[in-house]
Amino acid sequence: MADGHRSSEDYLEAILMIREKKGSCRSVDVAAQLGFSKPSVSVAVSKLVDSGCVERREDGQLLLTEKGMTIARNTLDKHHLLTELFCALGVTAETAEHDACLIEHSLSEETYEKLRAFWREHRV
């Protein structure tokens, strides 16, 4: 998967997580969450607005559109499943989080669905 696509998913996932935790999200929150500079986040958010994934209100609030929410939720669901699975295998929580973040972007939908079904049946 192209780095730009992965990056977009990371931004959308971060916006979703921040909004779920704080109830609101601004570009500065995304910069803090991802460890990126405010100018870099501003450019990325503008691209997400242009692609129809994010709306930026006049007060600076970032809102996910239906399209953005679908992508963010899917990415976050993959992240949670992979992290849980890796931890169950004995991987440390920190490594599991890191690896899940890397893999969630390149995992095919077919493999994700099969992993999810397997995990539901065999969860420890």
PDB file of N, CA and C in Angstrom:
ATOM      1  N   MET A   1       0.853  -1.187   0.000  1.00  0.00           N
ATOM      2  CA  MET A   1       0.000   0.000   0.000  1.00  0.00           C
ATOM      3  C   MET A   1       0.888   1.237   0.000  1.00  0.00           C
ATOM      4  N   ALA A   2       0.511   2.209  -0.755  1.00  0.00           N
ATOM      5  CA  ALA A   2       1.301   3.429  -0.856  1.00  0.00           C
ATOM      6  C   ALA A   2       1.356   4.152   0.486  1.00  0.00           C
ATOM      7  N   ASP A   3       2.502   4.798   0.746  1.00  0.00           N
ATOM      8  CA  ASP A   3       2.667   5.514   2.004  1.00  0.00           C
ATOM      9  C   ASP A   3       1.624   6.599   2.181  1.00  0.00           C
ATOM     10  N   GLY A   4       1.214   7.259   1.095  1.00  0.00           N
ATOM     11  CA  GLY A   4       0.206   8.304   1.201  1.00  0.00           C
ATOM     12  C   GLY A   4      -1.125   7.759   1.703  1.00  0.00           C
ATOM     13  N   HIS A   5      -1.483   6.566   1.231  1.00  0.00           N
ATOM     14  CA  HIS A   5      -2.723   5.928   1.670  1.00  0.00           C
ATOM     15  C   HIS A   5      -2.620   5.545   3.141  1.00  0.00           C
ATOM     16  N   ARG A   6      -1.460   5.003   3.511  1.00  0.00           N
ATOM     17  CA  ARG A   6      -1.235   4.628   4.912  1.00  0.00           C
ATOM     18  C   ARG A   6      -1.317   5.869   5.786  1.00  0.00           C
ATOM     19  N   SER A   7      -0.691   6.930   5.350  1.00  0.00           N
ATOM     20  CA  SER A   7      -0.691   8.173   6.113  1.00  0.00           C
ATOM     21  C   SER A   7      -2.110   8.708   6.285  1.00  0.00           C
ATOM     22  N   SER A   8      -2.898   8.666   5.230  1.00  0.00           N
ATOM     23  CA  SER A   8      -4.289   9.123   5.310  1.00  0.00           C
ATOM     24  C   SER A   8      -5.058   8.310   6.332  1.00  0.00           C
ATOM     25  N   GLU A   9      -4.861   7.000   6.306  1.00  0.00           N
ATOM     26  CA  GLU A   9      -5.538   6.140   7.273  1.00  0.00           C
ATOM     27  C   GLU A   9      -5.107   6.473   8.695  1.00  0.00           C
ATOM     28  N   ASP A  10      -3.808   6.748   8.887  1.00  0.00           N
ATOM     29  CA  ASP A  10      -3.307   7.125  10.215  1.00  0.00           C
ATOM     30  C   ASP A  10      -3.971   8.408  10.708  1.00  0.00           C
ATOM     31  N   TYR A  11      -4.091   9.390   9.828  1.00  0.00           N
ATOM     32  CA  TYR A  11      -4.728  10.658  10.204  1.00  0.00           C
ATOM     33  C   TYR A  11      -6.200  10.458  10.550  1.00  0.00           C
ATOM     34  N   LEU A  12      -6.908   9.712   9.715  1.00  0.00           N
ATOM     35  CA  LEU A  12      -8.333   9.477   9.962  1.00  0.00           C
ATOM     36  C   LEU A  12      -8.534   8.699  11.259  1.00  0.00           C
ATOM     37  N   GLU A  13      -7.694   7.697  11.478  1.00  0.00           N
ATOM     38  CA  GLU A  13      -7.770   6.902  12.704  1.00  0.00           C
ATOM     39  C   GLU A  13      -7.497   7.790  13.921  1.00  0.00           C
ATOM     40  N   ALA A  14      -6.511   8.662  13.807  1.00  0.00           N
ATOM     41  CA  ALA A  14      -6.180   9.566  14.920  1.00  0.00           C
ATOM     42  C   ALA A  14      -7.343  10.511  15.216  1.00  0.00           C
ATOM     43  N   ILE A  15      -7.955  11.070  14.179  1.00  0.00           N
ATOM     44  CA  ILE A  15      -9.093  11.973  14.378  1.00  0.00           C
ATOM     45  C   ILE A  15     -10.223  11.243  15.098  1.00  0.00           C
ATOM     46  N   LEU A  16     -10.509  10.024  14.664  1.00  0.00           N
ATOM     47  CA  LEU A  16     -11.562   9.232  15.309  1.00  0.00           C
ATOM     48  C   LEU A  16     -11.230   8.975  16.776  1.00  0.00           C
ATOM     49  N   MET A  17     -10.012   8.534  17.050  1.00  0.00           N
ATOM     50  CA  MET A  17      -9.626   8.221  18.427  1.00  0.00           C
ATOM     51  C   MET A  17      -9.677   9.458  19.321  1.00  0.00           C
ATOM     52  N   ILE A  18      -9.210  10.584  18.814  1.00  0.00           N
ATOM     53  CA  ILE A  18      -9.221  11.824  19.593  1.00  0.00           C
ATOM     54  C   ILE A  18     -10.650  12.265  19.872  1.00  0.00           C
ATOM     55  N   ARG A  19     -11.506  12.220  18.858  1.00  0.00           N
ATOM     56  CA  ARG A  19     -12.909  12.619  19.047  1.00  0.00           C
ATOM     57  C   ARG A  19     -13.611  11.698  20.041  1.00  0.00           C
ATOM     58  N   GLU A  20     -13.304  10.405  19.977  1.00  0.00           N
ATOM     59  CA  GLU A  20     -13.920   9.463  20.924  1.00  0.00           C
ATOM     60  C   GLU A  20     -13.442   9.724  22.349  1.00  0.00           C
ATOM     61  N   LYS A  21     -12.198  10.114  22.490  1.00  0.00           N
ATOM     62  CA  LYS A  21     -11.622  10.346  23.819  1.00  0.00           C
ATOM     63  C   LYS A  21     -11.990  11.718  24.380  1.00  0.00           C
ATOM     64  N   LYS A  22     -11.875  12.760  23.557  1.00  0.00           N
ATOM     65  CA  LYS A  22     -12.052  14.133  24.033  1.00  0.00           C
ATOM     66  C   LYS A  22     -13.389  14.758  23.653  1.00  0.00           C
ATOM     67  N   GLY A  23     -14.045  14.186  22.646  1.00  0.00           N
ATOM     68  CA  GLY A  23     -15.299  14.754  22.179  1.00  0.00           C
ATOM     69  C   GLY A  23     -15.126  15.779  21.072  1.00  0.00           C
ATOM     70  N   SER A  24     -13.892  16.180  20.823  1.00  0.00           N
ATOM     71  CA  SER A  24     -13.602  17.135  19.756  1.00  0.00           C
ATOM     72  C   SER A  24     -12.177  16.899  19.281  1.00  0.00           C
ATOM     73  N   CYS A  25     -11.861  17.451  18.117  1.00  0.00           N
ATOM     74  CA  CYS A  25     -10.521  17.269  17.563  1.00  0.00           C
ATOM     75  C   CYS A  25     -10.156  18.463  16.694  1.00  0.00           C
ATOM     76  N   ARG A  26      -8.950  18.960  16.908  1.00  0.00           N
ATOM     77  CA  ARG A  26      -8.377  20.016  16.076  1.00  0.00           C
ATOM     78  C   ARG A  26      -7.047  19.506  15.512  1.00  0.00           C
ATOM     79  N   SER A  27      -6.504  20.211  14.560  1.00  0.00           N
ATOM     80  CA  SER A  27      -5.232  19.814  13.953  1.00  0.00           C
ATOM     81  C   SER A  27      -4.122  19.688  14.987  1.00  0.00           C
ATOM     82  N   VAL A  28      -4.107  20.569  15.988  1.00  0.00           N
ATOM     83  CA  VAL A  28      -3.057  20.497  17.020  1.00  0.00           C
ATOM     84  C   VAL A  28      -3.150  19.186  17.800  1.00  0.00           C
ATOM     85  N   ASP A  29      -4.359  18.674  17.987  1.00  0.00           N
ATOM     86  CA  ASP A  29      -4.531  17.398  18.680  1.00  0.00           C
ATOM     87  C   ASP A  29      -3.939  16.258  17.851  1.00  0.00           C
ATOM     88  N   VAL A  30      -4.163  16.321  16.542  1.00  0.00           N
ATOM     89  CA  VAL A  30      -3.645  15.292  15.642  1.00  0.00           C
ATOM     90  C   VAL A  30      -2.115  15.350  15.632  1.00  0.00           C
ATOM     91  N   ALA A  31      -1.565  16.563  15.588  1.00  0.00           N
ATOM     92  CA  ALA A  31      -0.112  16.727  15.604  1.00  0.00           C
ATOM     93  C   ALA A  31       0.486  16.114  16.867  1.00  0.00           C
ATOM     94  N   ALA A  32      -0.147  16.366  18.001  1.00  0.00           N
ATOM     95  CA  ALA A  32       0.340  15.814  19.266  1.00  0.00           C
ATOM     96  C   ALA A  32       0.224  14.289  19.287  1.00  0.00           C
ATOM     97  N   GLN A  33      -0.891  13.763  18.807  1.00  0.00           N
ATOM     98  CA  GLN A  33      -1.127  12.314  18.817  1.00  0.00           C
ATOM     99  C   GLN A  33      -0.126  11.583  17.934  1.00  0.00           C
ATOM    100  N   LEU A  34       0.126  12.113  16.745  1.00  0.00           N
ATOM    101  CA  LEU A  34       0.976  11.420  15.780  1.00  0.00           C
ATOM    102  C   LEU A  34       2.446  11.826  15.861  1.00  0.00           C
ATOM    103  N   GLY A  35       2.722  12.907  16.587  1.00  0.00           N
ATOM    104  CA  GLY A  35       4.103  13.372  16.697  1.00  0.00           C
ATOM    105  C   GLY A  35       4.606  14.074  15.448  1.00  0.00           C
ATOM    106  N   PHE A  36       3.695  14.697  14.713  1.00  0.00           N
ATOM    107  CA  PHE A  36       4.054  15.424  13.496  1.00  0.00           C
ATOM    108  C   PHE A  36       3.986  16.924  13.762  1.00  0.00           C
ATOM    109  N   SER A  37       4.638  17.696  12.903  1.00  0.00           N
ATOM    110  CA  SER A  37       4.594  19.155  13.047  1.00  0.00           C
ATOM    111  C   SER A  37       3.214  19.671  12.658  1.00  0.00           C
ATOM    112  N   LYS A  38       2.850  20.818  13.218  1.00  0.00           N
ATOM    113  CA  LYS A  38       1.554  21.424  12.889  1.00  0.00           C
ATOM    114  C   LYS A  38       1.434  21.741  11.400  1.00  0.00           C
ATOM    115  N   PRO A  39       2.504  22.283  10.751  1.00  0.00           N
ATOM    116  CA  PRO A  39       2.390  22.525   9.302  1.00  0.00           C
ATOM    117  C   PRO A  39       2.160  21.246   8.493  1.00  0.00           C
ATOM    118  N   SER A  40       2.825  20.150   8.871  1.00  0.00           N
ATOM    119  CA  SER A  40       2.625  18.879   8.158  1.00  0.00           C
ATOM    120  C   SER A  40       1.193  18.396   8.300  1.00  0.00           C
ATOM    121  N   VAL A  41       0.654  18.521   9.506  1.00  0.00           N
ATOM    122  CA  VAL A  41      -0.721  18.097   9.752  1.00  0.00           C
ATOM    123  C   VAL A  41      -1.688  18.980   8.972  1.00  0.00           C
ATOM    124  N   SER A  42      -1.411  20.258   8.916  1.00  0.00           N
ATOM    125  CA  SER A  42      -2.276  21.184   8.176  1.00  0.00           C
ATOM    126  C   SER A  42      -2.363  20.798   6.700  1.00  0.00           C
ATOM    127  N   VAL A  43      -1.227  20.457   6.112  1.00  0.00           N
ATOM    128  CA  VAL A  43      -1.198  20.035   4.703  1.00  0.00           C
ATOM    129  C   VAL A  43      -1.988  18.736   4.526  1.00  0.00           C
ATOM    130  N   ALA A  44      -1.747  17.777   5.411  1.00  0.00           N
ATOM    131  CA  ALA A  44      -2.432  16.481   5.321  1.00  0.00           C
ATOM    132  C   ALA A  44      -3.940  16.634   5.500  1.00  0.00           C
ATOM    133  N   VAL A  45      -4.346  17.457   6.456  1.00  0.00           N
ATOM    134  CA  VAL A  45      -5.775  17.668   6.698  1.00  0.00           C
ATOM    135  C   VAL A  45      -6.416  18.330   5.481  1.00  0.00           C
ATOM    136  N   SER A  46      -5.728  19.274   4.866  1.00  0.00           N
ATOM    137  CA  SER A  46      -6.258  19.915   3.657  1.00  0.00           C
ATOM    138  C   SER A  46      -6.500  18.882   2.556  1.00  0.00           C
ATOM    139  N   LYS A  47      -5.581  17.930   2.422  1.00  0.00           N
ATOM    140  CA  LYS A  47      -5.756  16.865   1.423  1.00  0.00           C
ATOM    141  C   LYS A  47      -6.957  15.981   1.775  1.00  0.00           C
ATOM    142  N   LEU A  48      -7.143  15.712   3.068  1.00  0.00           N
ATOM    143  CA  LEU A  48      -8.283  14.902   3.495  1.00  0.00           C
ATOM    144  C   LEU A  48      -9.602  15.649   3.284  1.00  0.00           C
ATOM    145  N   VAL A  49      -9.583  16.958   3.447  1.00  0.00           N
ATOM    146  CA  VAL A  49     -10.765  17.776   3.155  1.00  0.00           C
ATOM    147  C   VAL A  49     -11.065  17.695   1.659  1.00  0.00           C
ATOM    148  N   ASP A  50     -10.023  17.869   0.834  1.00  0.00           N
ATOM    149  CA  ASP A  50     -10.188  17.816  -0.621  1.00  0.00           C
ATOM    150  C   ASP A  50     -10.699  16.455  -1.100  1.00  0.00           C
ATOM    151  N   SER A  51     -10.301  15.382  -0.393  1.00  0.00           N
ATOM    152  CA  SER A  51     -10.710  14.033  -0.810  1.00  0.00           C
ATOM    153  C   SER A  51     -12.096  13.656  -0.286  1.00  0.00           C
ATOM    154  N   GLY A  52     -12.694  14.544   0.519  1.00  0.00           N
ATOM    155  CA  GLY A  52     -14.039  14.284   1.020  1.00  0.00           C
ATOM    156  C   GLY A  52     -14.097  13.407   2.255  1.00  0.00           C
ATOM    157  N   CYS A  53     -12.974  13.260   2.956  1.00  0.00           N
ATOM    158  CA  CYS A  53     -12.939  12.422   4.157  1.00  0.00           C
ATOM    159  C   CYS A  53     -13.113  13.219   5.444  1.00  0.00           C
ATOM    160  N   VAL A  54     -12.795  14.498   5.401  1.00  0.00           N
ATOM    161  CA  VAL A  54     -12.825  15.346   6.596  1.00  0.00           C
ATOM    162  C   VAL A  54     -13.474  16.678   6.261  1.00  0.00           C
ATOM    163  N   GLU A  55     -14.212  17.203   7.217  1.00  0.00           N
ATOM    164  CA  GLU A  55     -14.727  18.568   7.140  1.00  0.00           C
ATOM    165  C   GLU A  55     -14.028  19.369   8.230  1.00  0.00           C
ATOM    166  N   ARG A  56     -13.604  20.590   7.867  1.00  0.00           N
ATOM    167  CA  ARG A  56     -12.976  21.471   8.844  1.00  0.00           C
ATOM    168  C   ARG A  56     -13.930  22.631   9.080  1.00  0.00           C
ATOM    169  N   ARG A  57     -14.427  22.733  10.315  1.00  0.00           N
ATOM    170  CA  ARG A  57     -15.347  23.816  10.646  1.00  0.00           C
ATOM    171  C   ARG A  57     -14.577  25.109  10.852  1.00  0.00           C
ATOM    172  N   GLU A  58     -15.307  26.213  10.845  1.00  0.00           N
ATOM    173  CA  GLU A  58     -14.679  27.524  11.017  1.00  0.00           C
ATOM    174  C   GLU A  58     -13.953  27.658  12.341  1.00  0.00           C
ATOM    175  N   ASP A  59     -14.423  26.930  13.369  1.00  0.00           N
ATOM    176  CA  ASP A  59     -13.768  26.996  14.681  1.00  0.00           C
ATOM    177  C   ASP A  59     -12.558  26.063  14.781  1.00  0.00           C
ATOM    178  N   GLY A  60     -12.194  25.422  13.666  1.00  0.00           N
ATOM    179  CA  GLY A  60     -11.022  24.557  13.638  1.00  0.00           C
ATOM    180  C   GLY A  60     -11.299  23.097  13.949  1.00  0.00           C
ATOM    181  N   GLN A  61     -12.532  22.779  14.318  1.00  0.00           N
ATOM    182  CA  GLN A  61     -12.888  21.397  14.613  1.00  0.00           C
ATOM    183  C   GLN A  61     -12.799  20.544  13.342  1.00  0.00           C
ATOM    184  N   LEU A  62     -12.281  19.336  13.504  1.00  0.00           N
ATOM    185  CA  LEU A  62     -12.213  18.383  12.407  1.00  0.00           C
ATOM    186  C   LEU A  62     -13.302  17.340  12.601  1.00  0.00           C
ATOM    187  N   LEU A  63     -14.092  17.149  11.563  1.00  0.00           N
ATOM    188  CA  LEU A  63     -15.177  16.168  11.589  1.00  0.00           C
ATOM    189  C   LEU A  63     -14.963  15.163  10.463  1.00  0.00           C
ATOM    190  N   LEU A  64     -15.152  13.899  10.765  1.00  0.00           N
ATOM    191  CA  LEU A  64     -15.065  12.880   9.732  1.00  0.00           C
ATOM    192  C   LEU A  64     -16.373  12.841   8.950  1.00  0.00           C
ATOM    193  N   THR A  65     -16.258  12.794   7.642  1.00  0.00           N
ATOM    194  CA  THR A  65     -17.439  12.587   6.804  1.00  0.00           C
ATOM    195  C   THR A  65     -17.792  11.102   6.883  1.00  0.00           C
ATOM    196  N   GLU A  66     -18.873  10.719   6.259  1.00  0.00           N
ATOM    197  CA  GLU A  66     -19.248   9.305   6.235  1.00  0.00           C
ATOM    198  C   GLU A  66     -18.120   8.474   5.619  1.00  0.00           C
ATOM    199  N   LYS A  67     -17.556   8.978   4.536  1.00  0.00           N
ATOM    200  CA  LYS A  67     -16.443   8.290   3.871  1.00  0.00           C
ATOM    201  C   LYS A  67     -15.245   8.174   4.816  1.00  0.00           C
ATOM    202  N   GLY A  68     -14.885   9.277   5.471  1.00  0.00           N
ATOM    203  CA  GLY A  68     -13.757   9.276   6.398  1.00  0.00           C
ATOM    204  C   GLY A  68     -13.995   8.376   7.595  1.00  0.00           C
ATOM    205  N   MET A  69     -15.221   8.378   8.100  1.00  0.00           N
ATOM    206  CA  MET A  69     -15.568   7.540   9.251  1.00  0.00           C
ATOM    207  C   MET A  69     -15.443   6.061   8.904  1.00  0.00           C
ATOM    208  N   THR A  70     -15.882   5.686   7.720  1.00  0.00           N
ATOM    209  CA  THR A  70     -15.790   4.287   7.287  1.00  0.00           C
ATOM    210  C   THR A  70     -14.331   3.829   7.247  1.00  0.00           C
ATOM    211  N   ILE A  71     -13.475   4.645   6.664  1.00  0.00           N
ATOM    212  CA  ILE A  71     -12.055   4.302   6.579  1.00  0.00           C
ATOM    213  C   ILE A  71     -11.433   4.257   7.974  1.00  0.00           C
ATOM    214  N   ALA A  72     -11.726   5.267   8.794  1.00  0.00           N
ATOM    215  CA  ALA A  72     -11.153   5.334  10.141  1.00  0.00           C
ATOM    216  C   ALA A  72     -11.609   4.159  10.998  1.00  0.00           C
ATOM    217  N   ARG A  73     -12.882   3.850  10.969  1.00  0.00           N
ATOM    218  CA  ARG A  73     -13.423   2.755  11.778  1.00  0.00           C
ATOM    219  C   ARG A  73     -12.817   1.427  11.343  1.00  0.00           C
ATOM    220  N   ASN A  74     -12.717   1.200  10.041  1.00  0.00           N
ATOM    221  CA  ASN A  74     -12.139  -0.038   9.516  1.00  0.00           C
ATOM    222  C   ASN A  74     -10.678  -0.182   9.956  1.00  0.00           C
ATOM    223  N   THR A  75      -9.923   0.898   9.851  1.00  0.00           N
ATOM    224  CA  THR A  75      -8.518   0.878  10.247  1.00  0.00           C
ATOM    225  C   THR A  75      -8.386   0.624  11.744  1.00  0.00           C
ATOM    226  N   LEU A  76      -9.201   1.291  12.541  1.00  0.00           N
ATOM    227  CA  LEU A  76      -9.149   1.113  13.991  1.00  0.00           C
ATOM    228  C   LEU A  76      -9.572  -0.302  14.398  1.00  0.00           C
ATOM    229  N   ASP A  77     -10.587  -0.845  13.739  1.00  0.00           N
ATOM    230  CA  ASP A  77     -11.018  -2.213  14.026  1.00  0.00           C
ATOM    231  C   ASP A  77      -9.899  -3.213  13.738  1.00  0.00           C
ATOM    232  N   LYS A  78      -9.211  -3.028  12.609  1.00  0.00           N
ATOM    233  CA  LYS A  78      -8.073  -3.889  12.280  1.00  0.00           C
ATOM    234  C   LYS A  78      -7.002  -3.769  13.355  1.00  0.00           C
ATOM    235  N   HIS A  79      -6.733  -2.545  13.760  1.00  0.00           N
ATOM    236  CA  HIS A  79      -5.707  -2.287  14.772  1.00  0.00           C
ATOM    237  C   HIS A  79      -6.036  -3.024  16.073  1.00  0.00           C
ATOM    238  N   HIS A  80      -7.271  -2.897  16.526  1.00  0.00           N
ATOM    239  CA  HIS A  80      -7.674  -3.552  17.771  1.00  0.00           C
ATOM    240  C   HIS A  80      -7.580  -5.073  17.671  1.00  0.00           C
ATOM    241  N   LEU A  81      -8.061  -5.638  16.574  1.00  0.00           N
ATOM    242  CA  LEU A  81      -8.010  -7.084  16.393  1.00  0.00           C
ATOM    243  C   LEU A  81      -6.568  -7.582  16.397  1.00  0.00           C
ATOM    244  N   LEU A  82      -5.717  -6.935  15.622  1.00  0.00           N
ATOM    245  CA  LEU A  82      -4.323  -7.372  15.532  1.00  0.00           C
ATOM    246  C   LEU A  82      -3.607  -7.237  16.872  1.00  0.00           C
ATOM    247  N   THR A  83      -3.845  -6.131  17.569  1.00  0.00           N
ATOM    248  CA  THR A  83      -3.207  -5.931  18.868  1.00  0.00           C
ATOM    249  C   THR A  83      -3.637  -7.024  19.844  1.00  0.00           C
ATOM    250  N   GLU A  84      -4.920  -7.303  19.885  1.00  0.00           N
ATOM    251  CA  GLU A  84      -5.436  -8.330  20.788  1.00  0.00           C
ATOM    252  C   GLU A  84      -4.868  -9.706  20.448  1.00  0.00           C
ATOM    253  N   LEU A  85      -4.823 -10.014  19.173  1.00  0.00           N
ATOM    254  CA  LEU A  85      -4.294 -11.299  18.724  1.00  0.00           C
ATOM    255  C   LEU A  85      -2.815 -11.427  19.082  1.00  0.00           C
ATOM    256  N   PHE A  86      -2.030 -10.397  18.815  1.00  0.00           N
ATOM    257  CA  PHE A  86      -0.599 -10.446  19.118  1.00  0.00           C
ATOM    258  C   PHE A  86      -0.350 -10.580  20.617  1.00  0.00           C
ATOM    259  N   CYS A  87      -1.116  -9.863  21.422  1.00  0.00           N
ATOM    260  CA  CYS A  87      -0.970  -9.965  22.880  1.00  0.00           C
ATOM    261  C   CYS A  87      -1.305 -11.379  23.354  1.00  0.00           C
ATOM    262  N   ALA A  88      -2.332 -11.980  22.760  1.00  0.00           N
ATOM    263  CA  ALA A  88      -2.704 -13.348  23.126  1.00  0.00           C
ATOM    264  C   ALA A  88      -1.605 -14.345  22.775  1.00  0.00           C
ATOM    265  N   LEU A  89      -0.808 -14.011  21.775  1.00  0.00           N
ATOM    266  CA  LEU A  89       0.311 -14.867  21.380  1.00  0.00           C
ATOM    267  C   LEU A  89       1.525 -14.672  22.279  1.00  0.00           C
ATOM    268  N   GLY A  90       1.439 -13.685  23.184  1.00  0.00           N
ATOM    269  CA  GLY A  90       2.540 -13.441  24.108  1.00  0.00           C
ATOM    270  C   GLY A  90       3.431 -12.278  23.751  1.00  0.00           C
ATOM    271  N   VAL A  91       3.067 -11.543  22.716  1.00  0.00           N
ATOM    272  CA  VAL A  91       3.828 -10.346  22.325  1.00  0.00           C
ATOM    273  C   VAL A  91       3.551  -9.257  23.363  1.00  0.00           C
ATOM    274  N   THR A  92       4.574  -8.489  23.716  1.00  0.00           N
ATOM    275  CA  THR A  92       4.367  -7.408  24.683  1.00  0.00           C
ATOM    276  C   THR A  92       3.381  -6.395  24.109  1.00  0.00           C
ATOM    277  N   ALA A  93       2.660  -5.716  24.986  1.00  0.00           N
ATOM    278  CA  ALA A  93       1.640  -4.756  24.546  1.00  0.00           C
ATOM    279  C   ALA A  93       2.243  -3.672  23.648  1.00  0.00           C
ATOM    280  N   GLU A  94       3.404  -3.177  24.010  1.00  0.00           N
ATOM    281  CA  GLU A  94       4.039  -2.113  23.211  1.00  0.00           C
ATOM    282  C   GLU A  94       4.380  -2.602  21.809  1.00  0.00           C
ATOM    283  N   THR A  95       4.960  -3.786  21.714  1.00  0.00           N
ATOM    284  CA  THR A  95       5.307  -4.348  20.401  1.00  0.00           C
ATOM    285  C   THR A  95       4.044  -4.686  19.615  1.00  0.00           C
ATOM    286  N   ALA A  96       3.048  -5.213  20.290  1.00  0.00           N
ATOM    287  CA  ALA A  96       1.785  -5.559  19.627  1.00  0.00           C
ATOM    288  C   ALA A  96       1.149  -4.315  19.013  1.00  0.00           C
ATOM    289  N   GLU A  97       1.112  -3.211  19.762  1.00  0.00           N
ATOM    290  CA  GLU A  97       0.570  -1.945  19.250  1.00  0.00           C
ATOM    291  C   GLU A  97       1.348  -1.473  18.022  1.00  0.00           C
ATOM    292  N   HIS A  98       2.665  -1.505  18.135  1.00  0.00           N
ATOM    293  CA  HIS A  98       3.527  -1.042  17.033  1.00  0.00           C
ATOM    294  C   HIS A  98       3.318  -1.882  15.776  1.00  0.00           C
ATOM    295  N   ASP A  99       3.364  -3.202  15.952  1.00  0.00           N
ATOM    296  CA  ASP A  99       3.212  -4.089  14.802  1.00  0.00           C
ATOM    297  C   ASP A  99       1.815  -3.998  14.190  1.00  0.00           C
ATOM    298  N   ALA A 100       0.801  -3.879  15.031  1.00  0.00           N
ATOM    299  CA  ALA A 100      -0.568  -3.739  14.520  1.00  0.00           C
ATOM    300  C   ALA A 100      -0.688  -2.485  13.654  1.00  0.00           C
ATOM    301  N   CYS A 101      -0.054  -1.404  14.095  1.00  0.00           N
ATOM    302  CA  CYS A 101      -0.105  -0.153  13.333  1.00  0.00           C
ATOM    303  C   CYS A 101       0.546  -0.311  11.959  1.00  0.00           C
ATOM    304  N   LEU A 102       1.610  -1.080  11.899  1.00  0.00           N
ATOM    305  CA  LEU A 102       2.275  -1.312  10.618  1.00  0.00           C
ATOM    306  C   LEU A 102       1.451  -2.207   9.693  1.00  0.00           C
ATOM    307  N   ILE A 103       0.888  -3.255  10.253  1.00  0.00           N
ATOM    308  CA  ILE A 103       0.205  -4.274   9.453  1.00  0.00           C
ATOM    309  C   ILE A 103      -1.200  -3.849   9.028  1.00  0.00           C
ATOM    310  N   GLU A 104      -1.879  -3.066   9.844  1.00  0.00           N
ATOM    311  CA  GLU A 104      -3.278  -2.720   9.570  1.00  0.00           C
ATOM    312  C   GLU A 104      -3.468  -2.081   8.201  1.00  0.00           C
ATOM    313  N   HIS A 105      -2.440  -1.434   7.685  1.00  0.00           N
ATOM    314  CA  HIS A 105      -2.549  -0.715   6.416  1.00  0.00           C
ATOM    315  C   HIS A 105      -2.347  -1.609   5.196  1.00  0.00           C
ATOM    316  N   SER A 106      -1.660  -2.724   5.386  1.00  0.00           N
ATOM    317  CA  SER A 106      -1.362  -3.570   4.233  1.00  0.00           C
ATOM    318  C   SER A 106      -2.133  -4.881   4.224  1.00  0.00           C
ATOM    319  N   LEU A 107      -2.921  -5.115   5.256  1.00  0.00           N
ATOM    320  CA  LEU A 107      -3.705  -6.340   5.371  1.00  0.00           C
ATOM    321  C   LEU A 107      -4.888  -6.294   4.402  1.00  0.00           C
ATOM    322  N   SER A 108      -5.029  -7.327   3.588  1.00  0.00           N
ATOM    323  CA  SER A 108      -6.160  -7.361   2.655  1.00  0.00           C
ATOM    324  C   SER A 108      -7.459  -7.570   3.429  1.00  0.00           C
ATOM    325  N   GLU A 109      -8.556  -7.165   2.820  1.00  0.00           N
ATOM    326  CA  GLU A 109      -9.866  -7.365   3.448  1.00  0.00           C
ATOM    327  C   GLU A 109     -10.150  -8.848   3.632  1.00  0.00           C
ATOM    328  N   GLU A 110      -9.751  -9.660   2.659  1.00  0.00           N
ATOM    329  CA  GLU A 110      -9.983 -11.108   2.758  1.00  0.00           C
ATOM    330  C   GLU A 110      -9.262 -11.680   3.978  1.00  0.00           C
ATOM    331  N   THR A 111      -7.989 -11.353   4.127  1.00  0.00           N
ATOM    332  CA  THR A 111      -7.221 -11.865   5.264  1.00  0.00           C
ATOM    333  C   THR A 111      -7.776 -11.327   6.574  1.00  0.00           C
ATOM    334  N   TYR A 112      -8.144 -10.062   6.590  1.00  0.00           N
ATOM    335  CA  TYR A 112      -8.724  -9.469   7.807  1.00  0.00           C
ATOM    336  C   TYR A 112     -10.003 -10.193   8.215  1.00  0.00           C
ATOM    337  N   GLU A 113     -10.882 -10.438   7.256  1.00  0.00           N
ATOM    338  CA  GLU A 113     -12.147 -11.127   7.560  1.00  0.00           C
ATOM    339  C   GLU A 113     -11.890 -12.541   8.080  1.00  0.00           C
ATOM    340  N   LYS A 114     -10.931 -13.243   7.482  1.00  0.00           N
ATOM    341  CA  LYS A 114     -10.606 -14.607   7.926  1.00  0.00           C
ATOM    342  C   LYS A 114      -9.999 -14.581   9.332  1.00  0.00           C
ATOM    343  N   LEU A 115      -9.110 -13.626   9.602  1.00  0.00           N
ATOM    344  CA  LEU A 115      -8.533 -13.486  10.941  1.00  0.00           C
ATOM    345  C   LEU A 115      -9.604 -13.176  11.976  1.00  0.00           C
ATOM    346  N   ARG A 116     -10.495 -12.281  11.607  1.00  0.00           N
ATOM    347  CA  ARG A 116     -11.566 -11.887  12.531  1.00  0.00           C
ATOM    348  C   ARG A 116     -12.471 -13.080  12.852  1.00  0.00           C
ATOM    349  N   ALA A 117     -12.847 -13.834  11.832  1.00  0.00           N
ATOM    350  CA  ALA A 117     -13.695 -15.005  12.049  1.00  0.00           C
ATOM    351  C   ALA A 117     -12.964 -16.053  12.894  1.00  0.00           C
ATOM    352  N   PHE A 118     -11.699 -16.284  12.600  1.00  0.00           N
ATOM    353  CA  PHE A 118     -10.907 -17.233  13.374  1.00  0.00           C
ATOM    354  C   PHE A 118     -10.810 -16.794  14.831  1.00  0.00           C
ATOM    355  N   TRP A 119     -10.536 -15.527  15.044  1.00  0.00           N
ATOM    356  CA  TRP A 119     -10.359 -15.012  16.398  1.00  0.00           C
ATOM    357  C   TRP A 119     -11.656 -15.095  17.209  1.00  0.00           C
ATOM    358  N   ARG A 120     -12.780 -14.861  16.559  1.00  0.00           N
ATOM    359  CA  ARG A 120     -14.070 -14.986  17.247  1.00  0.00           C
ATOM    360  C   ARG A 120     -14.317 -16.409  17.713  1.00  0.00           C
ATOM    361  N   GLU A 121     -13.910 -17.381  16.921  1.00  0.00           N
ATOM    362  CA  GLU A 121     -14.106 -18.795  17.255  1.00  0.00           C
ATOM    363  C   GLU A 121     -13.112 -19.305  18.288  1.00  0.00           C
ATOM    364  N   HIS A 122     -11.904 -18.790  18.272  1.00  0.00           N
ATOM    365  CA  HIS A 122     -10.827 -19.360  19.070  1.00  0.00           C
ATOM    366  C   HIS A 122     -10.286 -18.441  20.162  1.00  0.00           C
ATOM    367  N   ARG A 123     -10.956 -17.360  20.413  1.00  0.00           N
ATOM    368  CA  ARG A 123     -10.492 -16.406  21.422  1.00  0.00           C
ATOM    369  C   ARG A 123     -10.286 -17.118  22.756  1.00  0.00           C
ATOM    370  N   VAL A 124      -9.162 -16.834  23.346  1.00  0.00           N
ATOM    371  CA  VAL A 124      -8.802 -17.478  24.612  1.00  0.00           C
ATOM    372  C   VAL A 124      -9.492 -16.820  25.776  1.00  0.00           C
TER     373      VAL A 124
END
